[in-house]
C-alpha atoms as a PDB file:
ATOM      1  CA  ILE A   1       3.573  15.434  -1.647  1.00  0.00           C
ATOM      2  CA  LEU A   2      -0.110  16.432  -2.067  1.00  0.00           C
ATOM      3  CA  GLU A   3      -0.696  13.481  -4.692  1.00  0.00           C
ATOM      4  CA  GLY A   4       0.964  11.004  -2.137  1.00  0.00           C
ATOM      5  CA  PHE A   5      -1.411  12.463   0.616  1.00  0.00           C
ATOM      6  CA  ARG A   6      -4.392  12.020  -1.580  1.00  0.00           C
ATOM      7  CA  TYR A   7      -3.271   8.614  -2.545  1.00  0.00           C
ATOM      8  CA  GLU A   8      -3.069   7.510   1.167  1.00  0.00           C
ATOM      9  CA  LYS A   9      -6.311   9.026   2.023  1.00  0.00           C
ATOM     10  CA  GLU A  10      -7.948   7.169  -0.828  1.00  0.00           C
ATOM     11  CA  VAL A  11      -6.307   3.823   0.282  1.00  0.00           C
ATOM     12  CA  GLU A  12      -7.389   4.557   3.795  1.00  0.00           C
ATOM     13  CA  HIS A  13     -10.883   4.992   2.691  1.00  0.00           C
ATOM     14  CA  PHE A  14     -10.822   1.961   0.361  1.00  0.00           C
ATOM     15  CA  LEU A  15      -9.339  -0.170   3.082  1.00  0.00           C
ATOM     16  CA  LYS A  16     -12.479  -0.210   5.204  1.00  0.00           C
ATOM     17  CA  THR A  17     -14.437  -1.290   2.196  1.00  0.00           C
ATOM     18  CA  ALA A  18     -11.908  -3.912   1.472  1.00  0.00           C
ATOM     19  CA  VAL A  19     -12.373  -5.374   5.001  1.00  0.00           C
ATOM     20  CA  ASP A  20     -16.042  -5.223   5.000  1.00  0.00           C
ATOM     21  CA  LYS A  21     -16.318  -6.968   1.546  1.00  0.00           C
ATOM     22  CA  ASP A  22     -13.314  -9.235   2.004  1.00  0.00           C
ATOM     23  CA  LEU A  23     -11.764  -7.882  -1.440  1.00  0.00           C
ATOM     24  CA  PHE A  24      -8.281  -8.963  -0.476  1.00  0.00           C
ATOM     25  CA  GLU A  25      -6.542 -11.599  -2.676  1.00  0.00           C
ATOM     26  CA  VAL A  26      -3.722 -14.040  -1.740  1.00  0.00           C
ATOM     27  CA  TYR A  27      -0.769 -14.642  -3.939  1.00  0.00           C
ATOM     28  CA  TYR A  28       1.600 -17.529  -3.208  1.00  0.00           C
ATOM     29  CA  GLN A  29       5.339 -17.423  -3.989  1.00  0.00           C
ATOM     30  CA  PRO A  30       7.002 -20.920  -4.300  1.00  0.00           C
ATOM     31  CA  VAL A  31      10.022 -21.655  -2.513  1.00  0.00           C
ATOM     32  CA  PHE A  32      12.611 -23.879  -4.230  1.00  0.00           C
ATOM     33  CA  TRP A  33      14.303 -26.931  -2.460  1.00  0.00           C
ATOM     34  CA  THR A  34      17.950 -27.189  -3.721  1.00  0.00           C
ATOM     35  CA  LYS A  35      18.404 -30.757  -2.679  1.00  0.00           C
ATOM     36  CA  GLU A  36      15.730 -32.067  -5.032  1.00  0.00           C
ATOM     37  CA  ASP A  37      15.253 -29.314  -7.538  1.00  0.00           C
ATOM     38  CA  ARG A  38      11.709 -28.827  -6.975  1.00  0.00           C
ATOM     39  CA  TYR A  39       9.226 -26.415  -5.182  1.00  0.00           C
ATOM     40  CA  ILE A  40       8.788 -27.460  -1.562  1.00  0.00           C
ATOM     41  CA  THR A  41       6.703 -24.878   0.309  1.00  0.00           C
ATOM     42  CA  LEU A  42       4.777 -21.475  -0.533  1.00  0.00           C
ATOM     43  CA  GLU A  43       4.613 -18.304   1.130  1.00  0.00           C
ATOM     44  CA  ALA A  44       1.100 -16.605   1.169  1.00  0.00           C
ATOM     45  CA  LEU A  45       1.243 -12.974   0.585  1.00  0.00           C
ATOM     46  CA  SER A  46      -1.687 -10.367   0.696  1.00  0.00           C
ATOM     47  CA  ARG A  47      -2.581  -8.418  -2.429  1.00  0.00           C
ATOM     48  CA  LEU A  48      -5.118  -5.646  -2.887  1.00  0.00           C
ATOM     49  CA  LYS A  49      -6.446  -4.169  -6.102  1.00  0.00           C
ATOM     50  CA  HIS A  50      -8.257  -0.792  -6.157  1.00  0.00           C
ATOM     51  CA  PRO A  51     -10.812  -0.568  -8.903  1.00  0.00           C
ATOM     52  CA  CYS A  52      -9.316   2.793 -10.270  1.00  0.00           C
ATOM     53  CA  MET A  53      -5.662   2.843  -8.973  1.00  0.00           C
ATOM     54  CA  GLY A  54      -4.762  -0.900  -9.637  1.00  0.00           C
ATOM     55  CA  MET A  55      -2.614  -2.894  -7.341  1.00  0.00           C
ATOM     56  CA  ILE A  56      -1.718  -1.095  -4.042  1.00  0.00           C
ATOM     57  CA  PRO A  57       1.789  -1.987  -2.917  1.00  0.00           C
ATOM     58  CA  PRO A  58       1.580  -4.315   0.100  1.00  0.00           C
ATOM     59  CA  ASP A  59       3.896  -2.120   2.232  1.00  0.00           C
ATOM     60  CA  VAL A  60       1.436   0.796   1.827  1.00  0.00           C
ATOM     61  CA  PHE A  61      -1.804  -0.805   2.669  1.00  0.00           C
ATOM     62  CA  ILE A  62      -0.256  -3.004   5.419  1.00  0.00           C
ATOM     63  CA  GLY A  63       1.108   0.075   7.015  1.00  0.00           C
ATOM     64  CA  ILE A  64      -2.018   1.749   6.886  1.00  0.00           C
ATOM     65  CA  ALA A  65      -4.029  -1.171   8.280  1.00  0.00           C
ATOM     66  CA  GLU A  66      -1.632  -1.358  11.056  1.00  0.00           C
ATOM     67  CA  ARG A  67      -2.244   2.385  12.057  1.00  0.00           C
ATOM     68  CA  GLN A  68      -6.017   1.825  11.635  1.00  0.00           C
ATOM     69  CA  GLY A  69      -5.975  -1.265  13.868  1.00  0.00           C
ATOM     70  CA  LEU A  70      -7.383  -3.602  10.977  1.00  0.00           C
ATOM     71  CA  ILE A  71      -4.324  -5.858  10.583  1.00  0.00           C
ATOM     72  CA  ALA A  72      -5.598  -8.527  12.820  1.00  0.00           C
ATOM     73  CA  GLN A  73      -8.945  -8.648  11.160  1.00  0.00           C
ATOM     74  CA  ILE A  74      -7.285  -8.651   7.690  1.00  0.00           C
ATOM     75  CA  GLY A  75      -5.040 -11.500   8.998  1.00  0.00           C
ATOM     76  CA  LEU A  76      -7.965 -13.626   9.858  1.00  0.00           C
ATOM     77  CA  LEU A  77      -9.887 -13.087   6.592  1.00  0.00           C
ATOM     78  CA  GLN A  78      -6.773 -13.889   4.620  1.00  0.00           C
ATOM     79  CA  PHE A  79      -5.870 -16.926   6.699  1.00  0.00           C
ATOM     80  CA  ARG A  80      -9.421 -18.213   6.080  1.00  0.00           C
ATOM     81  CA  ARG A  81      -8.916 -17.660   2.461  1.00  0.00           C
ATOM     82  CA  VAL A  82      -5.663 -19.479   2.586  1.00  0.00           C
ATOM     83  CA  CYS A  83      -7.257 -22.562   4.401  1.00  0.00           C
ATOM     84  CA  ARG A  84     -10.211 -22.618   1.958  1.00  0.00           C
ATOM     85  CA  PHE A  85      -7.720 -22.750  -1.054  1.00  0.00           C
ATOM     86  CA  ILE A  86      -5.660 -25.672   0.621  1.00  0.00           C
ATOM     87  CA  LYS A  87      -8.946 -27.571   1.379  1.00  0.00           C
ATOM     88  CA  GLU A  88      -9.987 -27.284  -2.275  1.00  0.00           C
ATOM     89  CA  ASN A  89      -6.575 -28.358  -3.574  1.00  0.00           C
ATOM     90  CA  GLU A  90      -5.464 -30.666  -0.910  1.00  0.00           C
ATOM     91  CA  TYR A  91      -3.653 -32.890  -3.378  1.00  0.00           C
ATOM     92  CA  MET A  92      -1.034 -30.122  -3.559  1.00  0.00           C
ATOM     93  CA  MET A  93      -0.007 -30.959   0.043  1.00  0.00           C
ATOM     94  CA  LYS A  94       1.486 -34.135  -1.282  1.00  0.00           C
ATOM     95  CA  GLN A  95       4.134 -32.081  -3.110  1.00  0.00           C
ATOM     96  CA  ILE A  96       4.616 -29.289  -0.786  1.00  0.00           C
ATOM     97  CA  LYS A  97       5.599 -29.468   2.781  1.00  0.00           C
ATOM     98  CA  ASN A  98       3.642 -26.416   4.149  1.00  0.00           C
ATOM     99  CA  VAL A  99       2.279 -22.947   3.497  1.00  0.00           C
ATOM    100  CA  LYS A 100       4.043 -20.079   5.262  1.00  0.00           C
ATOM    101  CA  PHE A 101       1.792 -17.358   6.623  1.00  0.00           C
ATOM    102  CA  ASN A 102       2.947 -14.016   7.985  1.00  0.00           C
ATOM    103  CA  LEU A 103       1.858 -12.752  11.432  1.00  0.00           C
ATOM    104  CA  SER A 104       2.323  -9.161  12.335  1.00  0.00           C
ATOM    105  CA  PRO A 105       3.289  -7.915  15.598  1.00  0.00           C
ATOM    106  CA  SER A 106      -0.093  -6.689  16.635  1.00  0.00           C
ATOM    107  CA  GLU A 107      -1.618 -10.299  15.700  1.00  0.00           C
ATOM    108  CA  LEU A 108       1.109 -11.966  17.737  1.00  0.00           C
ATOM    109  CA  LEU A 109       0.667  -9.629  20.728  1.00  0.00           C
ATOM    110  CA  LYS A 110      -3.179  -9.614  20.549  1.00  0.00           C
ATOM    111  CA  PRO A 111      -4.521 -12.016  23.507  1.00  0.00           C
ATOM    112  CA  GLY A 112      -6.460 -14.817  22.126  1.00  0.00           C
ATOM    113  CA  HIS A 113      -5.602 -14.214  18.375  1.00  0.00           C
ATOM    114  CA  SER A 114      -3.488 -17.295  18.194  1.00  0.00           C
ATOM    115  CA  GLN A 115      -6.482 -19.507  19.261  1.00  0.00           C
ATOM    116  CA  LEU A 116      -8.683 -17.812  16.472  1.00  0.00           C
ATOM    117  CA  LEU A 117      -6.060 -18.950  13.885  1.00  0.00           C
ATOM    118  CA  ILE A 118      -5.866 -22.442  15.284  1.00  0.00           C
ATOM    119  CA  ASN A 119      -9.740 -22.484  15.216  1.00  0.00           C
ATOM    120  CA  ILE A 120      -9.766 -21.684  11.514  1.00  0.00           C
ATOM    121  CA  VAL A 121      -7.496 -24.679  10.809  1.00  0.00           C
ATOM    122  CA  LYS A 122      -9.777 -26.945  12.775  1.00  0.00           C
ATOM    123  CA  GLU A 123     -12.936 -25.606  11.076  1.00  0.00           C
ATOM    124  CA  HIS A 124     -11.439 -26.456   7.694  1.00  0.00           C
ATOM    125  CA  GLU A 125     -10.430 -29.859   8.978  1.00  0.00           C
ATOM    126  CA  LEU A 126      -6.713 -29.398   7.856  1.00  0.00           C
ATOM    127  CA  LEU A 127      -3.649 -30.716   9.407  1.00  0.00           C
ATOM    128  CA  PRO A 128      -1.772 -28.233  11.362  1.00  0.00           C
ATOM    129  CA  LYS A 129       1.410 -29.270   9.891  1.00  0.00           C
ATOM    130  CA  TYR A 130       0.199 -27.831   6.517  1.00  0.00           C
ATOM    131  CA  PHE A 131       1.010 -24.528   8.137  1.00  0.00           C
ATOM    132  CA  GLN A 132       4.013 -22.445   9.308  1.00  0.00           C
ATOM    133  CA  PHE A 133       3.694 -19.042  10.811  1.00  0.00           C
ATOM    134  CA  GLU A 134       6.486 -16.396   9.940  1.00  0.00           C
ATOM    135  CA  ILE A 135       7.465 -14.193  12.766  1.00  0.00           C
ATOM    136  CA  THR A 136       9.897 -11.379  12.055  1.00  0.00           C
ATOM    137  CA  GLU A 137      13.254 -10.928  13.683  1.00  0.00           C
ATOM    138  CA  THR A 138      12.213  -7.813  15.628  1.00  0.00           C
ATOM    139  CA  VAL A 139       8.962  -9.266  17.029  1.00  0.00           C
ATOM    140  CA  ALA A 140      10.772 -12.414  18.222  1.00  0.00           C
ATOM    141  CA  THR A 141      12.722 -10.177  20.591  1.00  0.00           C
ATOM    142  CA  GLU A 142       9.950  -8.588  22.224  1.00  0.00           C
ATOM    143  CA  TYR A 143       9.283 -10.941  24.890  1.00  0.00           C
ATOM    144  CA  SER A 144       5.915 -10.501  26.434  1.00  0.00           C
ATOM    145  CA  GLU A 145       3.438 -12.788  28.001  1.00  0.00           C
ATOM    146  CA  SER A 146       0.899 -12.666  24.995  1.00  0.00           C
ATOM    147  CA  PHE A 147       3.642 -13.282  22.633  1.00  0.00           C
ATOM    148  CA  CYS A 148       4.896 -16.322  24.503  1.00  0.00           C
ATOM    149  CA  LYS A 149       1.469 -17.639  24.856  1.00  0.00           C
ATOM    150  CA  ALA A 150       0.892 -17.361  21.054  1.00  0.00           C
ATOM    151  CA  VAL A 151       4.078 -19.263  20.452  1.00  0.00           C
ATOM    152  CA  GLU A 152       3.204 -21.896  22.983  1.00  0.00           C
ATOM    153  CA  ASP A 153      -0.351 -22.185  21.434  1.00  0.00           C
ATOM    154  CA  PHE A 154       1.010 -22.741  17.886  1.00  0.00           C
ATOM    155  CA  THR A 155       3.626 -25.305  18.978  1.00  0.00           C
ATOM    156  CA  ASN A 156       1.051 -27.448  21.041  1.00  0.00           C
ATOM    157  CA  ALA A 157      -1.382 -27.288  18.078  1.00  0.00           C
ATOM    158  CA  GLY A 158       1.455 -28.609  15.876  1.00  0.00           C
ATOM    159  CA  ILE A 159       1.993 -25.577  13.630  1.00  0.00           C
ATOM    160  CA  GLY A 160       5.442 -24.770  12.738  1.00  0.00           C
ATOM    161  CA  LEU A 161       7.352 -21.439  13.291  1.00  0.00           C
ATOM    162  CA  CYS A 162       9.762 -19.792  10.926  1.00  0.00           C
ATOM    163  CA  LEU A 163      11.982 -16.860  11.756  1.00  0.00           C
ATOM    164  CA  ASP A 164      11.567 -14.304   9.078  1.00  0.00           C
ATOM    165  CA  ASP A 165      13.846 -11.417   7.916  1.00  0.00           C
ATOM    166  CA  PHE A 166      16.947 -12.853   9.949  1.00  0.00           C
ATOM    167  CA  GLY A 167      19.865 -10.360   9.743  1.00  0.00           C
ATOM    168  CA  SER A 168      17.702  -7.383   8.933  1.00  0.00           C
ATOM    169  CA  GLY A 169      18.146  -5.570  12.250  1.00  0.00           C
ATOM    170  CA  TYR A 170      20.030  -5.904  15.458  1.00  0.00           C
ATOM    171  CA  ALA A 171      17.956  -8.520  17.158  1.00  0.00           C
ATOM    172  CA  ASN A 172      19.174 -10.213  20.510  1.00  0.00           C
ATOM    173  CA  LEU A 173      20.137 -13.470  19.035  1.00  0.00           C
ATOM    174  CA  ASN A 174      19.869 -15.389  22.427  1.00  0.00           C
ATOM    175  CA  ALA A 175      16.179 -14.217  22.670  1.00  0.00           C
ATOM    176  CA  VAL A 176      15.521 -15.233  19.160  1.00  0.00           C
ATOM    177  CA  LEU A 177      17.140 -18.683  19.540  1.00  0.00           C
ATOM    178  CA  ARG A 178      15.231 -19.529  22.669  1.00  0.00           C
ATOM    179  CA  LEU A 179      12.046 -19.693  20.577  1.00  0.00           C
ATOM    180  CA  PRO A 180      11.165 -22.970  18.840  1.00  0.00           C
ATOM    181  CA  PHE A 181      11.857 -22.048  15.181  1.00  0.00           C
ATOM    182  CA  ASP A 182      12.402 -24.797  12.712  1.00  0.00           C
ATOM    183  CA  VAL A 183      13.302 -22.564   9.771  1.00  0.00           C
ATOM    184  CA  VAL A 184      15.361 -19.454   9.493  1.00  0.00           C
ATOM    185  CA  LYS A 185      14.805 -16.956   6.524  1.00  0.00           C
ATOM    186  CA  MET A 186      17.915 -14.935   5.728  1.00  0.00           C
ATOM    187  CA  ASP A 187      16.941 -11.363   4.861  1.00  0.00           C
ATOM    188  CA  ARG A 188      17.292 -10.353   1.308  1.00  0.00           C
ATOM    189  CA  SER A 189      19.678  -7.473   2.271  1.00  0.00           C
ATOM    190  CA  LEU A 190      22.477 -10.035   3.248  1.00  0.00           C
ATOM    191  CA  LEU A 191      22.537 -11.149  -0.294  1.00  0.00           C
ATOM    192  CA  THR A 192      23.751  -7.783  -1.357  1.00  0.00           C
ATOM    193  CA  GLY A 193      27.309  -8.078  -3.075  1.00  0.00           C
ATOM    194  CA  ILE A 194      27.650 -11.972  -2.459  1.00  0.00           C
ATOM    195  CA  THR A 195      28.762 -12.458  -6.083  1.00  0.00           C
ATOM    196  CA  CYS A 196      31.366  -9.658  -6.033  1.00  0.00           C
ATOM    197  CA  ASP A 197      32.280  -8.942  -2.630  1.00  0.00           C
ATOM    198  CA  GLU A 198      34.296 -11.610  -0.822  1.00  0.00           C
ATOM    199  CA  GLN A 199      33.561 -10.225   2.610  1.00  0.00           C
ATOM    200  CA  ALA A 200      29.790 -10.343   2.129  1.00  0.00           C
ATOM    201  CA  ALA A 201      30.139 -13.860   0.609  1.00  0.00           C
ATOM    202  CA  VAL A 202      32.200 -15.142   3.465  1.00  0.00           C
ATOM    203  CA  PHE A 203      29.591 -13.493   6.001  1.00  0.00           C
ATOM    204  CA  TYR A 204      26.526 -15.046   4.396  1.00  0.00           C
ATOM    205  CA  HIS A 205      28.260 -18.466   4.108  1.00  0.00           C
ATOM    206  CA  SER A 206      29.426 -18.282   7.836  1.00  0.00           C
ATOM    207  CA  ILE A 207      25.831 -17.562   9.061  1.00  0.00           C
ATOM    208  CA  VAL A 208      24.376 -20.393   6.889  1.00  0.00           C
ATOM    209  CA  THR A 209      26.963 -22.923   8.315  1.00  0.00           C
ATOM    210  CA  VAL A 210      26.403 -21.826  11.997  1.00  0.00           C
ATOM    211  CA  MET A 211      22.595 -21.763  11.795  1.00  0.00           C
ATOM    212  CA  GLN A 212      22.574 -25.378  10.084  1.00  0.00           C
ATOM    213  CA  ASN A 213      25.092 -26.633  12.599  1.00  0.00           C
ATOM    214  CA  MET A 214      22.421 -25.571  15.182  1.00  0.00           C
ATOM    215  CA  GLY A 215      19.705 -27.534  13.389  1.00  0.00           C
ATOM    216  CA  TYR A 216      17.931 -24.868  11.481  1.00  0.00           C
ATOM    217  CA  ILE A 217      16.783 -25.278   7.884  1.00  0.00           C
ATOM    218  CA  ILE A 218      17.827 -22.234   5.920  1.00  0.00           C
ATOM    219  CA  VAL A 219      15.723 -20.295   3.418  1.00  0.00           C
ATOM    220  CA  ALA A 220      17.621 -17.541   1.262  1.00  0.00           C
ATOM    221  CA  GLU A 221      15.214 -14.865   0.474  1.00  0.00           C
ATOM    222  CA  GLY A 222      15.409 -12.557  -2.466  1.00  0.00           C
ATOM    223  CA  ALA A 223      17.612 -14.496  -5.093  1.00  0.00           C
ATOM    224  CA  GLU A 224      17.262 -12.859  -8.412  1.00  0.00           C
ATOM    225  CA  THR A 225      20.312 -14.036 -10.527  1.00  0.00           C
ATOM    226  CA  GLU A 226      21.849 -17.205 -11.490  1.00  0.00           C
ATOM    227  CA  GLU A 227      25.054 -16.264 -10.067  1.00  0.00           C
ATOM    228  CA  GLU A 228      23.430 -15.802  -6.484  1.00  0.00           C
ATOM    229  CA  VAL A 229      21.748 -19.168  -6.934  1.00  0.00           C
ATOM    230  CA  LYS A 230      24.839 -21.064  -7.834  1.00  0.00           C
ATOM    231  CA  LEU A 231      26.547 -19.839  -4.783  1.00  0.00           C
ATOM    232  CA  LEU A 232      23.765 -20.492  -2.440  1.00  0.00           C
ATOM    233  CA  ARG A 233      23.647 -24.152  -3.800  1.00  0.00           C
ATOM    234  CA  GLU A 234      27.426 -24.357  -3.337  1.00  0.00           C
ATOM    235  CA  TRP A 235      26.909 -23.164   0.440  1.00  0.00           C
ATOM    236  CA  GLY A 236      24.333 -25.862   0.877  1.00  0.00           C
ATOM    237  CA  VAL A 237      21.391 -23.576   1.500  1.00  0.00           C
ATOM    238  CA  ASP A 238      18.416 -25.736   1.953  1.00  0.00           C
ATOM    239  CA  MET A 239      15.794 -23.434   0.090  1.00  0.00           C
ATOM    240  CA  VAL A 240      15.813 -20.462  -2.181  1.00  0.00           C
ATOM    241  CA  GLN A 241      12.943 -18.026  -2.519  1.00  0.00           C
ATOM    242  CA  GLY A 242      13.149 -15.210  -5.106  1.00  0.00           C
ATOM    243  CA  TYR A 243      12.320 -13.913  -8.590  1.00  0.00           C
ATOM    244  CA  TYR A 244      14.968 -16.098 -10.108  1.00  0.00           C
ATOM    245  CA  PHE A 245      12.554 -19.044  -9.503  1.00  0.00           C
ATOM    246  CA  SER A 246       9.061 -17.511  -9.301  1.00  0.00           C
ATOM    247  CA  ARG A 247       7.308 -14.135  -8.678  1.00  0.00           C
ATOM    248  CA  PRO A 248       4.350 -14.473  -6.256  1.00  0.00           C
ATOM    249  CA  LEU A 249       1.374 -15.994  -8.368  1.00  0.00           C
ATOM    250  CA  PRO A 250      -2.341 -15.739  -8.025  1.00  0.00           C
ATOM    251  CA  GLU A 251      -4.159 -19.111  -7.229  1.00  0.00           C
ATOM    252  CA  THR A 252      -5.013 -20.084 -10.862  1.00  0.00           C
ATOM    253  CA  GLU A 253      -1.279 -19.711 -11.938  1.00  0.00           C
ATOM    254  CA  LEU A 254       0.082 -21.491  -9.055  1.00  0.00           C
ATOM    255  CA  LEU A 255      -2.234 -24.549  -9.579  1.00  0.00           C
ATOM    256  CA  ARG A 256      -0.962 -24.414 -13.350  1.00  0.00           C
ATOM    257  CA  LEU A 257       2.588 -24.580 -12.005  1.00  0.00           C
ATOM    258  CA  PHE A 258       1.954 -27.625  -9.759  1.00  0.00           C
ATOM    259  CA  MET A 259      -0.004 -29.506 -12.584  1.00  0.00           C
ATOM    260  CA  LEU A 260       3.090 -29.309 -14.774  1.00  0.00           C
END
């Protein structure tokens, strides 16, 4: 317990330095399009490396950043980094549809934050359609004035929205479906047992069918085995994201992948 406490204290201390000096990195996980057997989109993921302790797990530093009220600041630093990377490698956008970027509850509920993100896109002279903001299922049900304003701002600016972690909780489906999402990401927990448990398989397949009939593009998250991917293809899932295809990659490795 003491070790865990010391570790957390060290991360807390390092986090302030990381924000001041912009020490965060962005890794990108490619998402596979089953229809054309190629990568179609990327998810941008935050990474942080401590000089002595090595990589700090994202859930650890993100949790601490939320508690310290730093998450919105980190989000802007990271989004600026993503825009810079796209600007320098804009040829990639001929191959991929967009880059998905996660927004935390505090970012979405912070008045004026949406406009700051939109301004960063304009600043880099990039097309808004290059981006899709991921919003988790739990936040999507927290209807508040600032959240609705943020969603409206993104939609008006031409930035797409993706519902993340669908099926991870007990969200009010009506509330979620009232929002202008184009894409629904099925939470990785729903994949558990689909290759050996008939009920799990029927349940997953049914959700995919219903959501696609409603006009959503479906992404299966967390696919790690050939058997899972085979089933997802059979069920007509549009996109698959997971270690089976690729782990999150640093910029140099990602560029190498797209030059193949």
